[in-house]
Amino acid sequence: MTEKLFTKNFTLLVLGQVTSLFGNFILKLALSMYVLEVTGSATIFAGILSIATIPTILLSPFGGILSDRANRRNIMVALDALSGLSVLCAALFLSERNALTVISVLLVILSILGAFETPNVQACIPTMLTGDNIMKGNAVVNQVASISYLIAPIIGSILYSMVGLKPVMYASIICFFVTALFECFIKLNYERLDNNQNIFAMIKQDFSSSMQFIFKEQSDIVKMLLLASISRFFVMGITVVGLPYIVRTILDLNAKYYGVAESALAVATIIGSIAAGILTGKLKTHKLSFVLSALGIFIIPAGIAFLFPSNKIIVYIINVVSFCGMQIAVSIFSIFAVSLIQQRTPNHLIGKVMAYTSTITLCIQPIGQIIYGFLFDGFSEQIYFVLIPTGIIVCAIGLLATGFFRNMEKAQSEVSM
C-alpha cells in the first residue's frame, strides 16, 4: 500500500512554511527598501545583512543539537512565536532616529532564530515521512520556498509602496503567529533522553557522536555534502554575481531585463522542485552524476554566446535559458542529495547532520560569490573564459562522481534486501 504524502503532520508543516516564508520575504524586502531610502546606500544594507548571517553560521550546529535533544514541534512553535514577538517589539520601538539600530538588531535576532529553525524543520521531514515520500516532501517544501520567493517580493513591494514599513511589519507578525498556530497541531513522537551531564559535556558528546557517524560510520554523507557544496559554490557564484553583471554591465540592459531574468530563475527553481518530485522512485541514485554533469553542460552555451558577434538580446536570451537549465539541474540534485542524507541518518542524529548541511552551504556560498566577483571583473572583456571553463569543470566533477553514486546505490540495495 502506497503511503500518503500529505499526512496531517506534513500538511500542517507545509502550511506553516507558506506563512513563515511569506512573512520573512515581505519583511526583509520592506526593510531593505526602507534602509535604501533612508541611507541611499546599498553598501550599508549589504553590510547589515552580512553581519546578520554570522549568527546563523556559528549557531546552526547548536540548533542541530537542540533539535535532537528536545521536542521538535515545541521548538518550531517557540521559534516562530519568538520571531513574531521580535518583529512586534521592533515595530513598537522603531523611529526615524533609531531605525538602522533597530533593524540591525532585528535581523541579527531573526538570524539567531533561523539557525535553530532550519535544521529543525529539515529534521522533521524524515520523522513525518518514509521512503520515497521523503524526497517528495523535500521537493514540496522547496516548491513552497520558491513560490514564496517569487510572489512575496511583488506583494511586499506593493504593500510597502501603499502603506509603508510598519504595516508590512505587522503583516509579517501575523504570518509568524499563524505559523506557530499551525505547528501547535503537529504531533511528533518524542522520547526524552536521559541525561545527567552538564550542558558543555552534553554538547561535546553530541558533537563527537555526530562526527563519528558522518566521518566513520557513514562517510558517504561527507562526500555527498561536499558534492552538494561544490554545486552550490559554482551556481551561487555564477547566478548571484554573474547574472546581474552580465545583464547590467556586459550587455548594458536595463533593470527590467534583470527583473525578468530573476523571475525566470525563480520559475526554474519551481520546475526543478516539481521535476524532483516526479522523478522520485524513477531516478536511480547512480544517475545523479548525470544531473550534476548537466549542471555544467548548461553553463557552457552561456559562454559560447560571447564568442561570436551577435545581437545582445540574443546573447541575453541564451544566457537566461542556460542559467534556468542550470537552476533546474541544481534544484533536482540538491533535493535528492538532502533526501539521501536524511534517509541514511538515524532520528537521534538527523538534526545535527542537517545543521552541518546548512552550515557548510552557508559558508561556501559567499566564498563562491567573492571568487566569481574577481573572475568576472578580471575577464570582463572575455566572459567566456569564466563561463566555459566553469561548465567543463562542473561536468567533469559530475562524471568523476559516477563511481561514488554507483557504490551508494549498491549499498542502498544491500540494506533494503
Protein backbone atom coordinates (compact mmCIF):
# COMPACT_ATOMS: atom_id res chain seq x y z
CA MET A 1 0.00 0.00 0.00
CA THR A 2 1.38 3.40 -1.01
CA GLU A 3 1.82 5.72 1.95
CA LYS A 4 0.07 9.08 1.83
CA LEU A 5 2.35 12.09 1.27
CA PHE A 6 0.10 14.84 2.64
CA THR A 7 -0.50 13.45 6.09
CA LYS A 8 -1.95 15.77 8.73
CA ASN A 9 1.50 16.48 10.17
CA PHE A 10 3.14 17.19 6.82
CA THR A 11 0.23 19.33 5.61
CA LEU A 12 0.47 21.46 8.76
CA LEU A 13 4.24 21.74 8.29
CA VAL A 14 3.79 22.91 4.67
CA LEU A 15 1.10 25.43 5.63
CA GLY A 16 3.40 26.73 8.34
CA GLN A 17 6.25 27.06 5.86
CA VAL A 18 3.99 29.00 3.47
CA THR A 19 3.04 31.62 6.07
CA SER A 20 6.50 31.74 7.68
CA LEU A 21 8.42 32.19 4.42
CA PHE A 22 5.90 34.72 3.12
CA GLY A 23 6.25 36.74 6.32
CA ASN A 24 10.04 36.55 6.13
CA PHE A 25 10.24 37.62 2.49
CA ILE A 26 7.87 40.60 2.71
CA LEU A 27 9.59 41.74 5.91
CA LYS A 28 13.13 41.63 4.50
CA LEU A 29 12.07 43.30 1.27
CA ALA A 30 10.39 46.14 3.18
CA LEU A 31 13.40 46.53 5.47
CA SER A 32 15.79 46.67 2.51
CA MET A 33 13.69 49.29 0.72
CA TYR A 34 13.43 51.38 3.90
CA VAL A 35 17.19 51.30 4.56
CA LEU A 36 17.95 52.19 0.95
CA GLU A 37 15.53 55.12 1.13
CA VAL A 38 16.94 56.42 4.41
CA THR A 39 20.66 55.96 3.66
CA GLY A 40 20.77 55.86 -0.15
CA SER A 41 23.47 53.20 0.24
CA ALA A 42 23.24 49.58 -0.87
CA THR A 43 26.60 49.01 0.84
CA ILE A 44 25.17 49.79 4.29
CA PHE A 45 22.33 47.30 3.92
CA ALA A 46 24.67 44.68 2.41
CA GLY A 47 26.89 45.13 5.46
CA ILE A 48 23.93 44.73 7.82
CA LEU A 49 22.85 41.55 6.02
CA SER A 50 26.40 40.15 6.08
CA ILE A 51 26.70 40.72 9.83
CA ALA A 52 23.27 39.15 10.34
CA THR A 53 24.32 35.90 8.64
CA ILE A 54 27.19 35.31 11.08
CA PRO A 55 24.97 34.01 13.95
CA THR A 56 23.30 31.53 11.57
CA ILE A 57 26.68 30.10 10.52
CA LEU A 58 28.02 29.91 14.09
CA LEU A 59 24.88 28.65 15.83
CA SER A 60 23.45 26.16 13.30
CA PRO A 61 25.36 23.19 14.85
CA PHE A 62 23.85 24.06 18.24
CA GLY A 63 20.45 24.24 16.56
CA GLY A 64 21.01 20.68 15.39
CA ILE A 65 21.89 19.54 18.91
CA LEU A 66 18.74 21.17 20.32
CA SER A 67 16.63 19.55 17.58
CA ASP A 68 17.88 16.09 18.54
CA ARG A 69 17.51 16.71 22.29
CA ALA A 70 14.12 18.45 22.56
CA ASN A 71 10.60 18.14 21.19
CA ARG A 72 10.87 19.37 17.59
CA ARG A 73 7.25 20.50 17.44
CA ASN A 74 7.70 22.68 20.53
CA ILE A 75 10.93 24.13 19.11
CA MET A 76 9.14 25.20 15.91
CA VAL A 77 6.26 26.76 17.82
CA ALA A 78 8.60 28.64 20.18
CA LEU A 79 10.87 29.91 17.39
CA ASP A 80 8.04 31.25 15.22
CA ALA A 81 6.34 32.83 18.23
CA LEU A 82 9.64 34.47 19.21
CA SER A 83 10.09 35.69 15.62
CA GLY A 84 6.66 37.34 15.77
CA LEU A 85 7.39 38.90 19.16
CA SER A 86 10.79 40.16 17.96
CA VAL A 87 9.24 41.90 14.94
CA LEU A 88 6.46 43.30 17.16
CA CYS A 89 8.99 44.80 19.59
CA ALA A 90 10.99 46.22 16.68
CA ALA A 91 7.87 47.81 15.17
CA LEU A 92 6.93 49.39 18.51
CA PHE A 93 10.42 50.83 19.14
CA LEU A 94 11.14 51.85 15.53
CA SER A 95 11.56 55.57 14.84
CA GLU A 96 13.48 57.70 12.35
CA ARG A 97 16.27 58.29 14.90
CA ASN A 98 16.94 54.65 15.76
CA ALA A 99 15.80 52.91 12.56
CA LEU A 100 19.17 51.47 11.50
CA THR A 101 19.97 50.21 15.01
CA VAL A 102 16.54 48.58 15.47
CA ILE A 103 16.62 46.98 12.01
CA SER A 104 20.17 45.68 12.56
CA VAL A 105 19.26 44.15 15.92
CA LEU A 106 16.08 42.64 14.47
CA LEU A 107 17.93 40.99 11.58
CA VAL A 108 20.52 39.54 13.98
CA ILE A 109 17.78 38.15 16.25
CA LEU A 110 15.96 36.61 13.26
CA SER A 111 19.29 35.15 12.10
CA ILE A 112 19.83 33.54 15.52
CA LEU A 113 16.32 32.07 15.50
CA GLY A 114 16.83 30.86 11.91
CA ALA A 115 19.96 28.98 12.98
CA PHE A 116 17.77 26.83 15.22
CA GLU A 117 14.74 26.64 12.91
CA THR A 118 16.28 25.44 9.60
CA PRO A 119 17.87 22.19 10.87
CA ASN A 120 14.78 21.52 12.99
CA VAL A 121 12.39 21.75 10.01
CA GLN A 122 14.70 19.57 7.89
CA ALA A 123 14.87 17.04 10.71
CA CYS A 124 11.06 16.90 10.96
CA ILE A 125 10.53 15.77 7.36
CA PRO A 126 12.09 12.26 7.72
CA THR A 127 10.21 11.78 11.02
CA MET A 128 6.88 12.57 9.31
CA LEU A 129 7.53 10.67 6.05
CA THR A 130 9.27 7.49 4.96
CA GLY A 131 10.88 6.02 1.84
CA ASP A 132 10.41 7.91 -1.42
CA ASN A 133 8.00 10.30 0.28
CA ILE A 134 11.00 11.91 1.98
CA MET A 135 12.24 13.11 -1.43
CA LYS A 136 8.74 14.15 -2.45
CA GLY A 137 8.35 16.01 0.84
CA ASN A 138 11.63 17.87 0.37
CA ALA A 139 10.54 18.73 -3.17
CA VAL A 140 7.23 20.16 -1.89
CA VAL A 141 8.98 22.27 0.77
CA ASN A 142 11.41 23.51 -1.88
CA GLN A 143 8.49 24.40 -4.18
CA VAL A 144 6.80 26.33 -1.38
CA ALA A 145 10.00 28.29 -0.75
CA SER A 146 10.44 29.05 -4.46
CA ILE A 147 6.83 30.15 -4.96
CA SER A 148 7.03 32.35 -1.86
CA TYR A 149 10.26 33.86 -3.17
CA LEU A 150 8.55 34.59 -6.49
CA ILE A 151 5.29 36.05 -5.16
CA ALA A 152 6.16 37.62 -1.79
CA PRO A 153 8.53 40.34 -3.12
CA ILE A 154 5.85 41.53 -5.56
CA ILE A 155 3.16 41.71 -2.85
CA GLY A 156 5.65 43.11 -0.33
CA SER A 157 6.75 45.92 -2.65
CA ILE A 158 3.12 46.83 -3.39
CA LEU A 159 2.24 46.86 0.32
CA TYR A 160 5.33 48.89 1.20
CA SER A 161 4.58 51.45 -1.52
CA MET A 162 0.96 51.77 -0.36
CA VAL A 163 1.21 51.70 3.44
CA GLY A 164 4.89 51.98 4.45
CA LEU A 165 7.19 49.89 6.65
CA LYS A 166 5.29 49.38 9.91
CA PRO A 167 2.10 47.90 8.40
CA VAL A 168 4.28 45.40 6.48
CA MET A 169 5.99 44.51 9.76
CA TYR A 170 2.57 43.93 11.38
CA ALA A 171 1.59 41.71 8.43
CA SER A 172 4.73 39.62 8.94
CA ILE A 173 3.95 39.37 12.68
CA ILE A 174 0.56 37.86 11.81
CA CYS A 175 2.30 35.40 9.47
CA PHE A 176 4.69 34.23 12.22
CA PHE A 177 1.91 33.76 14.77
CA VAL A 178 -0.29 31.92 12.24
CA THR A 179 2.69 29.62 11.55
CA ALA A 180 3.08 28.93 15.27
CA LEU A 181 -0.66 28.14 15.45
CA PHE A 182 -0.41 25.60 12.60
CA GLU A 183 2.59 23.97 14.28
CA CYS A 184 0.73 23.60 17.60
CA PHE A 185 -1.41 20.87 15.98
CA ILE A 186 1.56 18.83 14.70
CA LYS A 187 2.06 15.59 16.63
CA LEU A 188 5.54 14.06 16.64
CA ASN A 189 6.85 11.14 18.66
CA TYR A 190 9.29 12.38 21.25
CA GLU A 191 11.36 10.42 23.72
CA ARG A 192 13.15 12.43 26.38
CA LEU A 193 16.82 11.46 26.53
CA ASP A 194 18.16 10.55 29.96
CA ASN A 195 20.99 12.94 30.61
CA ASN A 196 22.78 13.82 33.84
CA GLN A 197 25.64 15.69 32.17
CA ASN A 198 26.20 19.42 32.27
CA ILE A 199 25.45 21.36 29.09
CA PHE A 200 29.10 21.57 27.96
CA ALA A 201 29.68 17.83 28.35
CA MET A 202 26.41 17.19 26.50
CA ILE A 203 27.42 19.43 23.58
CA LYS A 204 30.83 17.79 23.42
CA GLN A 205 29.28 14.30 23.42
CA ASP A 206 26.72 15.18 20.75
CA PHE A 207 29.31 16.82 18.54
CA SER A 208 31.65 13.85 18.94
CA SER A 209 28.95 11.25 18.18
CA SER A 210 27.75 13.09 15.09
CA MET A 211 31.32 13.49 13.77
CA GLN A 212 31.93 9.79 14.40
CA PHE A 213 28.79 8.97 12.44
CA ILE A 214 29.43 11.06 9.32
CA PHE A 215 33.20 10.53 9.08
CA LYS A 216 33.46 6.84 10.02
CA GLU A 217 30.10 5.08 10.06
CA GLN A 218 28.58 6.90 7.06
CA SER A 219 31.48 8.55 5.22
CA ASP A 220 29.30 8.76 2.09
CA ILE A 221 27.40 11.58 3.81
CA VAL A 222 30.55 13.72 3.88
CA LYS A 223 31.13 13.08 0.18
CA MET A 224 27.53 13.93 -0.62
CA LEU A 225 27.81 17.14 1.42
CA LEU A 226 30.96 18.07 -0.48
CA LEU A 227 29.31 17.47 -3.86
CA ALA A 228 26.25 19.49 -2.84
CA SER A 229 28.50 22.30 -1.57
CA ILE A 230 30.61 22.30 -4.73
CA SER A 231 27.50 22.59 -6.87
CA ARG A 232 26.27 25.50 -4.74
CA PHE A 233 29.71 27.14 -4.92
CA PHE A 234 29.57 27.34 -8.71
CA VAL A 235 25.84 28.05 -9.02
CA MET A 236 25.77 30.87 -6.46
CA GLY A 237 28.90 32.43 -7.92
CA ILE A 238 27.51 32.28 -11.47
CA THR A 239 23.94 33.37 -10.72
CA VAL A 240 24.19 35.83 -7.81
CA VAL A 241 27.29 37.62 -9.15
CA GLY A 242 27.42 36.67 -12.82
CA LEU A 243 23.82 37.16 -13.93
CA PRO A 244 23.39 40.80 -12.82
CA TYR A 245 26.92 41.61 -14.02
CA ILE A 246 26.27 40.11 -17.46
CA VAL A 247 22.84 41.70 -17.89
CA ARG A 248 23.55 45.18 -16.50
CA THR A 249 27.28 45.70 -17.18
CA ILE A 250 28.35 43.47 -20.07
CA LEU A 251 25.14 43.61 -22.14
CA ASP A 252 24.19 47.08 -20.84
CA LEU A 253 20.49 46.19 -20.49
CA ASN A 254 18.14 47.96 -18.09
CA ALA A 255 16.73 46.72 -14.77
CA LYS A 256 13.60 45.33 -16.43
CA TYR A 257 15.68 42.72 -18.25
CA TYR A 258 17.37 41.77 -14.99
CA GLY A 259 13.98 41.51 -13.26
CA VAL A 260 12.73 39.17 -15.99
CA ALA A 261 15.87 37.04 -15.64
CA GLU A 262 15.42 36.81 -11.84
CA SER A 263 11.77 35.81 -12.25
CA ALA A 264 12.77 33.19 -14.82
CA LEU A 265 15.26 31.72 -12.33
CA ALA A 266 12.58 31.55 -9.64
CA VAL A 267 10.26 29.72 -12.06
CA ALA A 268 13.14 27.38 -12.99
CA THR A 269 13.62 26.54 -9.30
CA ILE A 270 9.93 25.66 -9.02
CA ILE A 271 10.16 23.50 -12.16
CA GLY A 272 13.23 21.75 -10.71
CA SER A 273 11.37 21.03 -7.47
CA ILE A 274 8.37 19.64 -9.35
CA ALA A 275 10.69 17.53 -11.53
CA ALA A 276 12.41 16.15 -8.42
CA GLY A 277 9.03 15.06 -7.04
CA ILE A 278 8.07 13.40 -10.33
CA LEU A 279 11.45 11.66 -10.63
CA THR A 280 11.26 10.22 -7.11
CA GLY A 281 11.48 6.44 -7.42
CA LYS A 282 12.38 6.75 -11.12
CA LEU A 283 15.75 8.50 -10.99
CA LYS A 284 18.26 5.96 -9.71
CA THR A 285 20.99 7.16 -7.39
CA HIS A 286 23.79 6.48 -9.88
CA LYS A 287 22.13 8.85 -12.38
CA LEU A 288 22.69 11.80 -10.05
CA SER A 289 26.14 12.07 -11.62
CA PHE A 290 24.43 12.90 -14.93
CA VAL A 291 22.28 15.54 -13.20
CA LEU A 292 25.45 17.12 -11.80
CA SER A 293 27.11 16.95 -15.21
CA ALA A 294 24.02 18.52 -16.80
CA LEU A 295 24.50 21.47 -14.48
CA GLY A 296 27.89 22.08 -16.08
CA ILE A 297 26.65 21.43 -19.61
CA PHE A 298 24.02 24.17 -19.25
CA ILE A 299 26.68 26.74 -18.30
CA ILE A 300 28.76 26.21 -21.46
CA PRO A 301 26.30 27.73 -24.04
CA ALA A 302 26.16 30.92 -21.95
CA GLY A 303 29.90 31.32 -22.51
CA ILE A 304 29.83 30.27 -26.17
CA ALA A 305 27.27 33.05 -26.85
CA PHE A 306 30.04 35.60 -26.17
CA LEU A 307 32.49 34.01 -28.60
CA PHE A 308 30.69 35.18 -31.72
CA PRO A 309 29.38 38.62 -32.74
CA SER A 310 25.65 38.66 -32.08
CA ASN A 311 22.73 40.85 -31.09
CA LYS A 312 22.85 41.44 -27.34
CA ILE A 313 19.20 40.42 -26.94
CA ILE A 314 20.03 37.03 -28.46
CA VAL A 315 23.01 36.69 -26.09
CA TYR A 316 20.70 37.68 -23.22
CA ILE A 317 18.12 35.02 -24.16
CA ILE A 318 20.80 32.31 -24.49
CA ASN A 319 22.21 33.22 -21.07
CA VAL A 320 18.80 33.28 -19.36
CA VAL A 321 17.88 29.88 -20.85
CA SER A 322 21.28 28.45 -19.84
CA PHE A 323 21.03 29.81 -16.30
CA CYS A 324 17.48 28.44 -15.96
CA GLY A 325 18.64 24.99 -17.10
CA MET A 326 21.42 25.15 -14.54
CA GLN A 327 18.91 26.16 -11.83
CA ILE A 328 16.61 23.24 -12.68
CA ALA A 329 19.53 20.80 -12.51
CA VAL A 330 20.86 22.10 -9.18
CA SER A 331 17.36 22.04 -7.65
CA ILE A 332 16.92 18.38 -8.59
CA PHE A 333 20.40 17.47 -7.38
CA SER A 334 20.07 19.35 -4.07
CA ILE A 335 16.70 17.79 -3.22
CA PHE A 336 17.94 14.27 -3.94
CA ALA A 337 21.21 14.88 -2.07
CA VAL A 338 19.49 16.17 1.09
CA SER A 339 16.93 13.35 0.94
CA LEU A 340 19.65 10.67 0.64
CA ILE A 341 21.43 12.17 3.65
CA GLN A 342 18.17 12.18 5.64
CA GLN A 343 17.42 8.55 4.72
CA ARG A 344 20.86 7.42 5.91
CA THR A 345 20.75 9.29 9.23
CA PRO A 346 19.05 7.93 12.37
CA ASN A 347 16.46 10.09 14.12
CA HIS A 348 18.66 10.94 17.11
CA LEU A 349 21.32 12.46 14.82
CA ILE A 350 19.25 13.95 11.99
CA GLY A 351 19.08 17.46 13.49
CA LYS A 352 22.86 17.73 13.87
CA VAL A 353 23.58 16.34 10.40
CA MET A 354 21.06 18.73 8.81
CA ALA A 355 22.68 21.58 10.75
CA TYR A 356 26.08 20.68 9.27
CA THR A 357 24.48 20.65 5.81
CA SER A 358 23.07 24.13 6.37
CA THR A 359 26.32 25.49 7.84
CA ILE A 360 28.54 24.18 5.04
CA THR A 361 26.18 25.60 2.41
CA LEU A 362 26.07 29.00 4.15
CA CYS A 363 29.88 29.11 4.36
CA ILE A 364 30.55 28.04 0.77
CA GLN A 365 28.12 30.43 -0.94
CA PRO A 366 29.84 33.74 -0.04
CA ILE A 367 33.21 32.24 -0.96
CA GLY A 368 31.88 31.40 -4.41
CA GLN A 369 30.41 34.88 -4.78
CA ILE A 370 33.69 36.59 -3.83
CA ILE A 371 35.81 34.42 -6.15
CA TYR A 372 33.45 34.87 -9.09
CA GLY A 373 33.30 38.59 -8.38
CA PHE A 374 37.06 38.76 -9.00
CA LEU A 375 36.82 36.46 -12.02
CA PHE A 376 34.07 38.46 -13.74
CA ASP A 377 35.92 41.71 -13.08
CA GLY A 378 39.20 40.26 -14.31
CA PHE A 379 37.72 38.81 -17.50
CA SER A 380 35.09 41.44 -18.26
CA GLU A 381 36.21 41.51 -21.90
CA GLN A 382 36.35 37.70 -22.19
CA ILE A 383 33.38 36.44 -20.17
CA TYR A 384 33.66 33.07 -21.94
CA PHE A 385 36.94 32.50 -20.05
CA VAL A 386 34.83 32.31 -16.88
CA LEU A 387 31.70 30.52 -18.06
CA ILE A 388 33.07 27.81 -20.39
CA PRO A 389 35.82 26.52 -18.03
CA THR A 390 33.33 26.55 -15.14
CA GLY A 391 30.92 24.41 -17.17
CA ILE A 392 33.69 21.96 -18.12
CA ILE A 393 34.89 21.67 -14.50
CA VAL A 394 31.38 21.00 -13.14
CA CYS A 395 30.69 18.49 -15.90
CA ALA A 396 33.97 16.69 -15.13
CA ILE A 397 33.15 16.60 -11.39
CA GLY A 398 29.80 15.00 -12.21
CA LEU A 399 31.39 12.32 -14.38
CA LEU A 400 34.11 11.62 -11.80
CA ALA A 401 31.39 11.13 -9.16
CA THR A 402 29.76 8.30 -11.16
CA GLY A 403 31.60 5.60 -9.22
CA PHE A 404 30.65 7.15 -5.88
CA PHE A 405 26.93 7.22 -6.77
CA ARG A 406 27.03 3.64 -8.08
CA ASN A 407 28.59 2.43 -4.82
CA MET A 408 25.98 4.38 -2.83
CA GLU A 409 23.16 2.79 -4.85
CA LYS A 410 24.68 -0.66 -4.33
CA ALA A 411 24.92 -0.09 -0.58
CA GLN A 412 21.29 1.07 -0.50
CA SER A 413 20.09 -2.04 -2.33
CA GLU A 414 22.02 -4.30 0.07
CA VAL A 415 20.44 -2.58 3.11
CA SER A 416 16.92 -2.91 1.68
CA MET A 417 17.32 -6.63 0.89
